[in-house]
Amino acid sequence: MTIDLSNHGASGTWDTHGDNIPPYGGIWNGLRPLLPVFDHVLTTLVSDLRERGLLDDTLVIAMGEFGRTPTLGTQGSTDGRNHWPVLMSMCLAGGGYRHGQVIGSSTKDGAEIEERPVTPGDLAATIYHHMGVPLDATYTDHQGRPNFIVDNGRPIAKLI
């Protein structure tokens, strides 16, 4: 399931480049009205899964594909931020994992990883672990070569 709030009347998209760069809406005009809606939708989903006894079987992941620069005002905007591949935040719920904890941290200004980086391979390994897929499983590429489904990743030990 994918929860998509891009059609919410407050903003045309989740993109937060800046208020003066349509249709993004920026942090104040675009993102601020969406966060309470997102919080409600996410907590309602998790609560509903718990009430139905499905939370341990369902892994809920809330994330984007990259972070945002730690500096406001990029791209000539008053409040926007550019893409930032160095670090990002995500939220995992359910899946039978141990939750209620923060794993990893950034520097005070949010620019760099300070402690316990979680790589894309680690996230993939955690997802495959939840689904019961062996981490040494392979797939065959278009040239007939086997490739591991997880490249340099291990399940996040603090969750398991």
N, C-alpha and C. Protein backbone atom coordinates (compact mmCIF):
# COMPACT_ATOMS: atom_id res chain seq x y z
N MET A 1 0.84 -1.16 0.00
CA MET A 1 0.00 0.00 0.00
C MET A 1 0.89 1.23 0.00
N THR A 2 0.50 2.23 -0.71
CA THR A 2 1.21 3.51 -0.73
C THR A 2 0.25 4.60 -0.30
N ILE A 3 0.67 5.41 0.65
CA ILE A 3 -0.11 6.57 1.06
C ILE A 3 0.48 7.76 0.34
N ASP A 4 -0.33 8.43 -0.46
CA ASP A 4 0.15 9.54 -1.27
C ASP A 4 -0.71 10.76 -0.98
N LEU A 5 -0.10 11.79 -0.42
CA LEU A 5 -0.85 13.00 -0.11
C LEU A 5 -0.58 14.11 -1.12
N SER A 6 -0.02 13.77 -2.28
CA SER A 6 0.33 14.81 -3.23
C SER A 6 -0.90 15.53 -3.79
N ASN A 7 -2.08 14.94 -3.67
CA ASN A 7 -3.28 15.63 -4.15
C ASN A 7 -3.96 16.43 -3.05
N HIS A 8 -3.35 16.50 -1.87
CA HIS A 8 -3.91 17.30 -0.78
C HIS A 8 -3.95 18.76 -1.21
N GLY A 9 -5.01 19.44 -0.86
CA GLY A 9 -5.20 20.82 -1.30
C GLY A 9 -4.13 21.79 -0.84
N ALA A 10 -3.34 21.44 0.17
CA ALA A 10 -2.34 22.36 0.69
C ALA A 10 -1.11 22.45 -0.21
N SER A 11 -0.87 21.41 -1.00
CA SER A 11 0.35 21.39 -1.79
C SER A 11 0.18 20.46 -2.97
N GLY A 12 0.78 20.81 -4.08
CA GLY A 12 0.73 19.95 -5.25
C GLY A 12 1.67 18.79 -5.15
N THR A 13 2.59 18.82 -4.20
CA THR A 13 3.61 17.78 -4.11
C THR A 13 4.29 17.85 -2.75
N TRP A 14 4.99 16.79 -2.42
CA TRP A 14 5.77 16.77 -1.18
C TRP A 14 7.10 17.47 -1.35
N ASP A 15 7.42 17.89 -2.54
CA ASP A 15 8.71 18.50 -2.81
C ASP A 15 8.80 19.83 -2.07
N THR A 16 9.89 20.08 -1.36
CA THR A 16 10.00 21.27 -0.51
C THR A 16 11.14 22.18 -0.93
N HIS A 17 11.25 22.39 -2.24
CA HIS A 17 12.33 23.25 -2.72
C HIS A 17 12.15 24.69 -2.29
N GLY A 18 10.95 25.16 -2.21
CA GLY A 18 10.77 26.53 -1.75
C GLY A 18 9.40 27.09 -2.07
N ASP A 19 8.96 28.04 -1.25
CA ASP A 19 7.65 28.65 -1.42
C ASP A 19 7.52 29.37 -2.75
N ASN A 20 8.60 29.95 -3.23
CA ASN A 20 8.49 30.75 -4.44
C ASN A 20 8.86 29.96 -5.70
N ILE A 21 8.83 28.63 -5.61
CA ILE A 21 9.13 27.79 -6.76
C ILE A 21 7.92 26.87 -6.98
N PRO A 22 6.87 27.34 -7.67
CA PRO A 22 5.68 26.51 -7.88
C PRO A 22 6.05 25.22 -8.62
N PRO A 23 5.38 24.11 -8.39
CA PRO A 23 4.24 23.93 -7.51
C PRO A 23 4.65 23.40 -6.14
N TYR A 24 5.89 23.57 -5.75
CA TYR A 24 6.42 22.84 -4.61
C TYR A 24 5.83 23.23 -3.28
N GLY A 25 5.57 24.48 -3.05
CA GLY A 25 4.93 24.87 -1.81
C GLY A 25 5.87 25.14 -0.67
N GLY A 26 7.09 24.66 -0.74
CA GLY A 26 8.06 24.93 0.31
C GLY A 26 7.73 24.30 1.64
N ILE A 27 8.55 24.61 2.62
CA ILE A 27 8.37 24.03 3.94
C ILE A 27 7.17 24.65 4.64
N TRP A 28 7.04 25.96 4.60
CA TRP A 28 5.97 26.63 5.35
C TRP A 28 4.61 26.47 4.67
N ASN A 29 4.53 26.82 3.40
CA ASN A 29 3.23 26.79 2.72
C ASN A 29 2.83 25.40 2.24
N GLY A 30 3.80 24.56 1.93
CA GLY A 30 3.48 23.25 1.38
C GLY A 30 3.56 22.12 2.38
N LEU A 31 4.70 22.00 3.06
CA LEU A 31 4.92 20.87 3.94
C LEU A 31 4.18 21.01 5.28
N ARG A 32 4.16 22.21 5.85
CA ARG A 32 3.53 22.41 7.16
C ARG A 32 2.08 21.94 7.20
N PRO A 33 1.24 22.22 6.19
CA PRO A 33 -0.13 21.72 6.26
C PRO A 33 -0.25 20.21 6.05
N LEU A 34 0.73 19.60 5.38
CA LEU A 34 0.67 18.17 5.12
C LEU A 34 1.08 17.32 6.31
N LEU A 35 1.96 17.81 7.16
CA LEU A 35 2.48 16.99 8.25
C LEU A 35 1.40 16.50 9.22
N PRO A 36 0.45 17.34 9.65
CA PRO A 36 -0.61 16.81 10.53
C PRO A 36 -1.44 15.73 9.83
N VAL A 37 -1.70 15.90 8.53
CA VAL A 37 -2.46 14.90 7.79
C VAL A 37 -1.66 13.60 7.72
N PHE A 38 -0.38 13.71 7.39
CA PHE A 38 0.48 12.52 7.32
C PHE A 38 0.55 11.83 8.67
N ASP A 39 0.72 12.58 9.74
CA ASP A 39 0.78 12.02 11.09
C ASP A 39 -0.50 11.25 11.40
N HIS A 40 -1.64 11.83 11.06
CA HIS A 40 -2.93 11.18 11.31
C HIS A 40 -3.06 9.89 10.49
N VAL A 41 -2.72 9.96 9.21
CA VAL A 41 -2.86 8.79 8.34
C VAL A 41 -1.93 7.66 8.79
N LEU A 42 -0.69 7.99 9.12
CA LEU A 42 0.28 6.97 9.53
C LEU A 42 -0.13 6.33 10.86
N THR A 43 -0.47 7.14 11.84
CA THR A 43 -0.85 6.58 13.14
C THR A 43 -2.15 5.79 13.04
N THR A 44 -3.07 6.24 12.20
CA THR A 44 -4.32 5.50 12.01
C THR A 44 -4.04 4.15 11.36
N LEU A 45 -3.17 4.11 10.37
CA LEU A 45 -2.81 2.85 9.73
C LEU A 45 -2.19 1.88 10.73
N VAL A 46 -1.22 2.35 11.50
CA VAL A 46 -0.55 1.48 12.47
C VAL A 46 -1.53 1.01 13.54
N SER A 47 -2.37 1.91 14.03
CA SER A 47 -3.37 1.54 15.04
C SER A 47 -4.36 0.51 14.48
N ASP A 48 -4.80 0.72 13.26
CA ASP A 48 -5.74 -0.21 12.63
C ASP A 48 -5.11 -1.59 12.45
N LEU A 49 -3.87 -1.62 12.00
CA LEU A 49 -3.18 -2.91 11.84
C LEU A 49 -3.04 -3.62 13.19
N ARG A 50 -2.72 -2.85 14.25
CA ARG A 50 -2.59 -3.43 15.59
C ARG A 50 -3.93 -4.00 16.06
N GLU A 51 -5.01 -3.21 15.92
CA GLU A 51 -6.33 -3.66 16.36
C GLU A 51 -6.80 -4.92 15.64
N ARG A 52 -6.39 -5.07 14.40
CA ARG A 52 -6.79 -6.24 13.60
C ARG A 52 -5.82 -7.42 13.75
N GLY A 53 -4.77 -7.24 14.56
CA GLY A 53 -3.80 -8.31 14.76
C GLY A 53 -2.88 -8.52 13.57
N LEU A 54 -2.72 -7.50 12.74
CA LEU A 54 -1.92 -7.62 11.53
C LEU A 54 -0.59 -6.88 11.60
N LEU A 55 -0.32 -6.18 12.69
CA LEU A 55 0.86 -5.32 12.74
C LEU A 55 2.17 -6.12 12.70
N ASP A 56 2.22 -7.25 13.38
CA ASP A 56 3.46 -8.04 13.36
C ASP A 56 3.75 -8.63 11.98
N ASP A 57 2.69 -8.83 11.19
CA ASP A 57 2.87 -9.39 9.85
C ASP A 57 3.12 -8.33 8.79
N THR A 58 2.89 -7.07 9.13
CA THR A 58 2.98 -5.98 8.17
C THR A 58 4.11 -5.04 8.57
N LEU A 59 5.01 -4.78 7.65
CA LEU A 59 6.08 -3.81 7.89
C LEU A 59 5.69 -2.50 7.23
N VAL A 60 5.56 -1.46 8.03
CA VAL A 60 5.18 -0.13 7.54
C VAL A 60 6.45 0.71 7.47
N ILE A 61 6.69 1.30 6.32
CA ILE A 61 7.88 2.13 6.13
C ILE A 61 7.44 3.50 5.63
N ALA A 62 7.87 4.55 6.33
CA ALA A 62 7.61 5.92 5.89
C ALA A 62 8.96 6.57 5.60
N MET A 63 9.19 6.86 4.33
CA MET A 63 10.48 7.43 3.93
C MET A 63 10.36 8.07 2.57
N GLY A 64 11.34 8.83 2.22
CA GLY A 64 11.48 9.36 0.87
C GLY A 64 12.67 8.71 0.22
N GLU A 65 13.11 9.27 -0.88
CA GLU A 65 14.24 8.68 -1.57
C GLU A 65 15.56 9.40 -1.29
N PHE A 66 15.51 10.49 -0.55
CA PHE A 66 16.72 11.21 -0.16
C PHE A 66 16.36 12.22 0.92
N GLY A 67 17.37 12.82 1.51
CA GLY A 67 17.14 13.84 2.52
C GLY A 67 17.12 15.23 1.89
N ARG A 68 17.15 16.23 2.71
CA ARG A 68 17.19 17.63 2.29
C ARG A 68 18.39 18.31 2.94
N THR A 69 18.94 19.29 2.25
CA THR A 69 20.10 20.00 2.77
C THR A 69 19.79 20.55 4.16
N PRO A 70 20.82 20.62 5.01
CA PRO A 70 20.59 21.19 6.33
C PRO A 70 20.45 22.71 6.32
N THR A 71 20.65 23.32 5.18
CA THR A 71 20.63 24.78 5.06
C THR A 71 19.35 25.25 4.39
N LEU A 72 18.62 26.14 5.05
CA LEU A 72 17.44 26.73 4.45
C LEU A 72 17.84 27.74 3.38
N GLY A 73 16.94 27.97 2.46
CA GLY A 73 17.15 29.02 1.48
C GLY A 73 17.96 28.60 0.27
N THR A 74 18.01 27.33 -0.05
CA THR A 74 18.72 26.91 -1.25
C THR A 74 17.88 27.20 -2.48
N GLN A 75 18.49 27.24 -3.62
CA GLN A 75 17.84 27.48 -4.90
C GLN A 75 17.12 28.82 -4.95
N GLY A 76 17.64 29.80 -4.27
CA GLY A 76 17.05 31.13 -4.30
C GLY A 76 15.71 31.22 -3.58
N SER A 77 15.43 30.27 -2.73
CA SER A 77 14.16 30.22 -2.02
C SER A 77 14.33 30.77 -0.61
N THR A 78 13.23 31.24 -0.05
CA THR A 78 13.29 31.74 1.33
C THR A 78 13.32 30.61 2.34
N ASP A 79 12.73 29.44 2.02
CA ASP A 79 12.69 28.39 3.01
C ASP A 79 12.93 26.99 2.45
N GLY A 80 13.19 26.87 1.20
CA GLY A 80 13.34 25.54 0.60
C GLY A 80 14.69 24.92 0.85
N ARG A 81 14.79 23.66 0.51
CA ARG A 81 16.03 22.92 0.66
C ARG A 81 16.22 22.05 -0.57
N ASN A 82 17.46 21.91 -0.99
CA ASN A 82 17.76 21.09 -2.15
C ASN A 82 17.89 19.63 -1.74
N HIS A 83 18.04 18.75 -2.72
CA HIS A 83 18.25 17.33 -2.44
C HIS A 83 19.54 17.14 -1.66
N TRP A 84 19.57 16.15 -0.76
CA TRP A 84 20.72 15.90 0.10
C TRP A 84 20.90 14.40 0.24
N PRO A 85 21.79 13.81 -0.55
CA PRO A 85 21.95 12.35 -0.52
C PRO A 85 22.76 11.83 0.66
N VAL A 86 23.30 12.72 1.49
CA VAL A 86 24.20 12.31 2.57
C VAL A 86 23.46 11.58 3.68
N LEU A 87 22.26 12.05 4.04
CA LEU A 87 21.49 11.37 5.07
C LEU A 87 20.03 11.74 4.96
N MET A 88 19.20 10.91 5.57
CA MET A 88 17.76 11.12 5.58
C MET A 88 17.18 10.42 6.80
N SER A 89 15.93 10.65 7.05
CA SER A 89 15.23 9.99 8.14
C SER A 89 14.17 9.07 7.57
N MET A 90 13.82 8.05 8.34
CA MET A 90 12.72 7.17 7.96
C MET A 90 12.10 6.62 9.23
N CYS A 91 10.91 6.08 9.07
CA CYS A 91 10.18 5.52 10.19
C CYS A 91 9.72 4.12 9.80
N LEU A 92 9.98 3.15 10.66
CA LEU A 92 9.50 1.79 10.46
C LEU A 92 8.59 1.42 11.62
N ALA A 93 7.52 0.72 11.31
CA ALA A 93 6.59 0.24 12.34
C ALA A 93 6.17 -1.18 11.97
N GLY A 94 5.81 -1.96 12.98
CA GLY A 94 5.31 -3.30 12.75
C GLY A 94 6.39 -4.28 12.34
N GLY A 95 5.99 -5.28 11.57
CA GLY A 95 6.93 -6.27 11.09
C GLY A 95 7.42 -7.24 12.15
N GLY A 96 6.84 -7.17 13.36
CA GLY A 96 7.32 -8.02 14.44
C GLY A 96 8.64 -7.55 15.02
N TYR A 97 9.08 -6.36 14.66
CA TYR A 97 10.37 -5.84 15.11
C TYR A 97 10.22 -5.05 16.41
N ARG A 98 11.35 -4.78 17.07
CA ARG A 98 11.38 -3.95 18.29
C ARG A 98 11.41 -2.49 17.86
N HIS A 99 10.45 -1.73 18.31
CA HIS A 99 10.35 -0.33 17.91
C HIS A 99 10.47 0.59 19.12
N GLY A 100 10.16 1.85 18.93
CA GLY A 100 10.25 2.82 20.00
C GLY A 100 11.68 3.23 20.28
N GLN A 101 12.50 3.25 19.26
CA GLN A 101 13.91 3.60 19.44
C GLN A 101 14.40 4.38 18.22
N VAL A 102 15.47 5.09 18.44
CA VAL A 102 16.15 5.80 17.37
C VAL A 102 17.43 5.04 17.07
N ILE A 103 17.65 4.74 15.80
CA ILE A 103 18.85 4.03 15.40
C ILE A 103 19.66 4.95 14.51
N GLY A 104 20.82 5.31 14.96
CA GLY A 104 21.67 6.23 14.22
C GLY A 104 21.37 7.68 14.58
N SER A 105 22.30 8.54 14.22
CA SER A 105 22.10 9.97 14.47
C SER A 105 22.93 10.77 13.48
N SER A 106 22.56 12.04 13.40
CA SER A 106 23.30 12.97 12.53
C SER A 106 24.08 13.94 13.40
N THR A 107 24.93 14.70 12.75
CA THR A 107 25.60 15.79 13.45
C THR A 107 24.54 16.80 13.86
N LYS A 108 24.90 17.68 14.77
CA LYS A 108 23.94 18.64 15.32
C LYS A 108 23.24 19.46 14.23
N ASP A 109 23.95 19.78 13.16
CA ASP A 109 23.35 20.57 12.09
C ASP A 109 22.63 19.73 11.04
N GLY A 110 22.60 18.41 11.23
CA GLY A 110 21.90 17.54 10.29
C GLY A 110 22.60 17.37 8.96
N ALA A 111 23.88 17.66 8.91
CA ALA A 111 24.60 17.62 7.63
C ALA A 111 25.25 16.27 7.35
N GLU A 112 25.69 15.57 8.38
CA GLU A 112 26.46 14.33 8.19
C GLU A 112 25.96 13.25 9.15
N ILE A 113 26.29 12.02 8.85
CA ILE A 113 25.98 10.91 9.75
C ILE A 113 26.98 10.95 10.90
N GLU A 114 26.48 10.90 12.12
CA GLU A 114 27.37 10.91 13.27
C GLU A 114 27.54 9.50 13.85
N GLU A 115 26.45 8.75 13.93
CA GLU A 115 26.50 7.45 14.59
C GLU A 115 25.58 6.46 13.89
N ARG A 116 26.02 5.24 13.75
CA ARG A 116 25.32 4.09 13.22
C ARG A 116 24.61 4.35 11.88
N PRO A 117 25.38 4.48 10.81
CA PRO A 117 24.73 4.63 9.51
C PRO A 117 23.93 3.39 9.15
N VAL A 118 22.80 3.59 8.53
CA VAL A 118 21.98 2.51 7.98
C VAL A 118 22.03 2.69 6.47
N THR A 119 22.59 1.71 5.79
CA THR A 119 22.76 1.81 4.34
C THR A 119 21.50 1.32 3.62
N PRO A 120 21.37 1.64 2.33
CA PRO A 120 20.26 1.07 1.55
C PRO A 120 20.28 -0.47 1.60
N GLY A 121 21.47 -1.07 1.60
CA GLY A 121 21.58 -2.52 1.72
C GLY A 121 21.06 -3.03 3.04
N ASP A 122 21.31 -2.28 4.12
CA ASP A 122 20.79 -2.66 5.45
C ASP A 122 19.26 -2.61 5.46
N LEU A 123 18.69 -1.57 4.86
CA LEU A 123 17.23 -1.47 4.80
C LEU A 123 16.66 -2.61 3.97
N ALA A 124 17.27 -2.88 2.82
CA ALA A 124 16.81 -4.00 1.98
C ALA A 124 16.90 -5.32 2.73
N ALA A 125 18.00 -5.55 3.43
CA ALA A 125 18.17 -6.79 4.19
C ALA A 125 17.12 -6.90 5.29
N THR A 126 16.78 -5.79 5.92
CA THR A 126 15.75 -5.79 6.97
C THR A 126 14.38 -6.12 6.38
N ILE A 127 14.08 -5.56 5.22
CA ILE A 127 12.80 -5.84 4.56
C ILE A 127 12.74 -7.32 4.14
N TYR A 128 13.80 -7.80 3.50
CA TYR A 128 13.82 -9.21 3.08
C TYR A 128 13.76 -10.15 4.29
N HIS A 129 14.42 -9.79 5.38
CA HIS A 129 14.36 -10.58 6.60
C HIS A 129 12.91 -10.70 7.07
N HIS A 130 12.19 -9.58 7.07
CA HIS A 130 10.79 -9.58 7.47
C HIS A 130 9.97 -10.51 6.58
N MET A 131 10.27 -10.52 5.29
CA MET A 131 9.50 -11.33 4.34
C MET A 131 9.96 -12.78 4.30
N GLY A 132 11.01 -13.10 5.05
CA GLY A 132 11.49 -14.48 5.09
C GLY A 132 12.30 -14.89 3.88
N VAL A 133 12.83 -13.91 3.16
CA VAL A 133 13.64 -14.19 1.98
C VAL A 133 15.09 -14.36 2.42
N PRO A 134 15.74 -15.47 2.06
CA PRO A 134 17.14 -15.66 2.45
C PRO A 134 18.02 -14.56 1.86
N LEU A 135 18.90 -14.00 2.69
CA LEU A 135 19.72 -12.88 2.24
C LEU A 135 20.79 -13.28 1.24
N ASP A 136 21.03 -14.58 1.11
CA ASP A 136 21.98 -15.03 0.10
C ASP A 136 21.28 -15.42 -1.21
N ALA A 137 19.97 -15.11 -1.32
CA ALA A 137 19.23 -15.39 -2.54
C ALA A 137 19.77 -14.53 -3.68
N THR A 138 19.66 -15.04 -4.89
CA THR A 138 20.14 -14.31 -6.06
C THR A 138 19.02 -14.18 -7.09
N TYR A 139 19.22 -13.28 -8.00
CA TYR A 139 18.37 -13.17 -9.19
C TYR A 139 19.30 -13.16 -10.39
N THR A 140 18.78 -13.50 -11.54
CA THR A 140 19.58 -13.55 -12.76
C THR A 140 19.34 -12.28 -13.57
N ASP A 141 20.41 -11.58 -13.92
CA ASP A 141 20.25 -10.36 -14.70
C ASP A 141 20.03 -10.69 -16.18
N HIS A 142 19.86 -9.66 -17.00
CA HIS A 142 19.53 -9.85 -18.41
C HIS A 142 20.65 -10.53 -19.21
N GLN A 143 21.83 -10.61 -18.63
CA GLN A 143 22.93 -11.31 -19.30
C GLN A 143 23.14 -12.71 -18.73
N GLY A 144 22.21 -13.14 -17.88
CA GLY A 144 22.29 -14.49 -17.33
C GLY A 144 23.20 -14.65 -16.13
N ARG A 145 23.67 -13.54 -15.56
CA ARG A 145 24.57 -13.61 -14.40
C ARG A 145 23.77 -13.53 -13.11
N PRO A 146 24.17 -14.32 -12.11
CA PRO A 146 23.49 -14.24 -10.82
C PRO A 146 23.97 -13.01 -10.03
N ASN A 147 23.03 -12.38 -9.35
CA ASN A 147 23.33 -11.23 -8.50
C ASN A 147 22.63 -11.43 -7.17
N PHE A 148 23.31 -11.09 -6.08
CA PHE A 148 22.69 -11.18 -4.77
C PHE A 148 21.60 -10.12 -4.66
N ILE A 149 20.49 -10.46 -3.99
CA ILE A 149 19.41 -9.50 -3.83
C ILE A 149 19.79 -8.38 -2.88
N VAL A 150 20.72 -8.66 -1.96
CA VAL A 150 21.21 -7.65 -1.03
C VAL A 150 22.69 -7.49 -1.24
N ASP A 151 23.10 -6.26 -1.55
CA ASP A 151 24.50 -5.97 -1.78
C ASP A 151 25.05 -5.21 -0.58
N ASN A 152 25.92 -5.85 0.17
CA ASN A 152 26.58 -5.21 1.32
C ASN A 152 25.60 -4.70 2.36
N GLY A 153 24.62 -5.50 2.71
CA GLY A 153 23.67 -5.08 3.73
C GLY A 153 23.39 -6.20 4.72
N ARG A 154 23.08 -5.79 5.94
CA ARG A 154 22.70 -6.75 7.00
C ARG A 154 21.44 -6.21 7.66
N PRO A 155 20.55 -7.09 8.10
CA PRO A 155 19.36 -6.61 8.82
C PRO A 155 19.76 -5.74 10.01
N ILE A 156 18.97 -4.73 10.29
CA ILE A 156 19.25 -3.81 11.38
C ILE A 156 19.07 -4.56 12.70
N ALA A 157 20.18 -4.91 13.34
CA ALA A 157 20.19 -5.80 14.51
C ALA A 157 19.34 -5.27 15.66
N LYS A 158 19.30 -3.96 15.88
CA LYS A 158 18.53 -3.41 17.00
C LYS A 158 17.03 -3.57 16.82
N LEU A 159 16.60 -3.84 15.59
CA LEU A 159 15.17 -4.05 15.35
C LEU A 159 14.74 -5.50 15.55
N ILE A 160 15.64 -6.41 15.25
CA ILE A 160 15.30 -7.84 15.24
C ILE A 160 15.31 -8.43 16.64
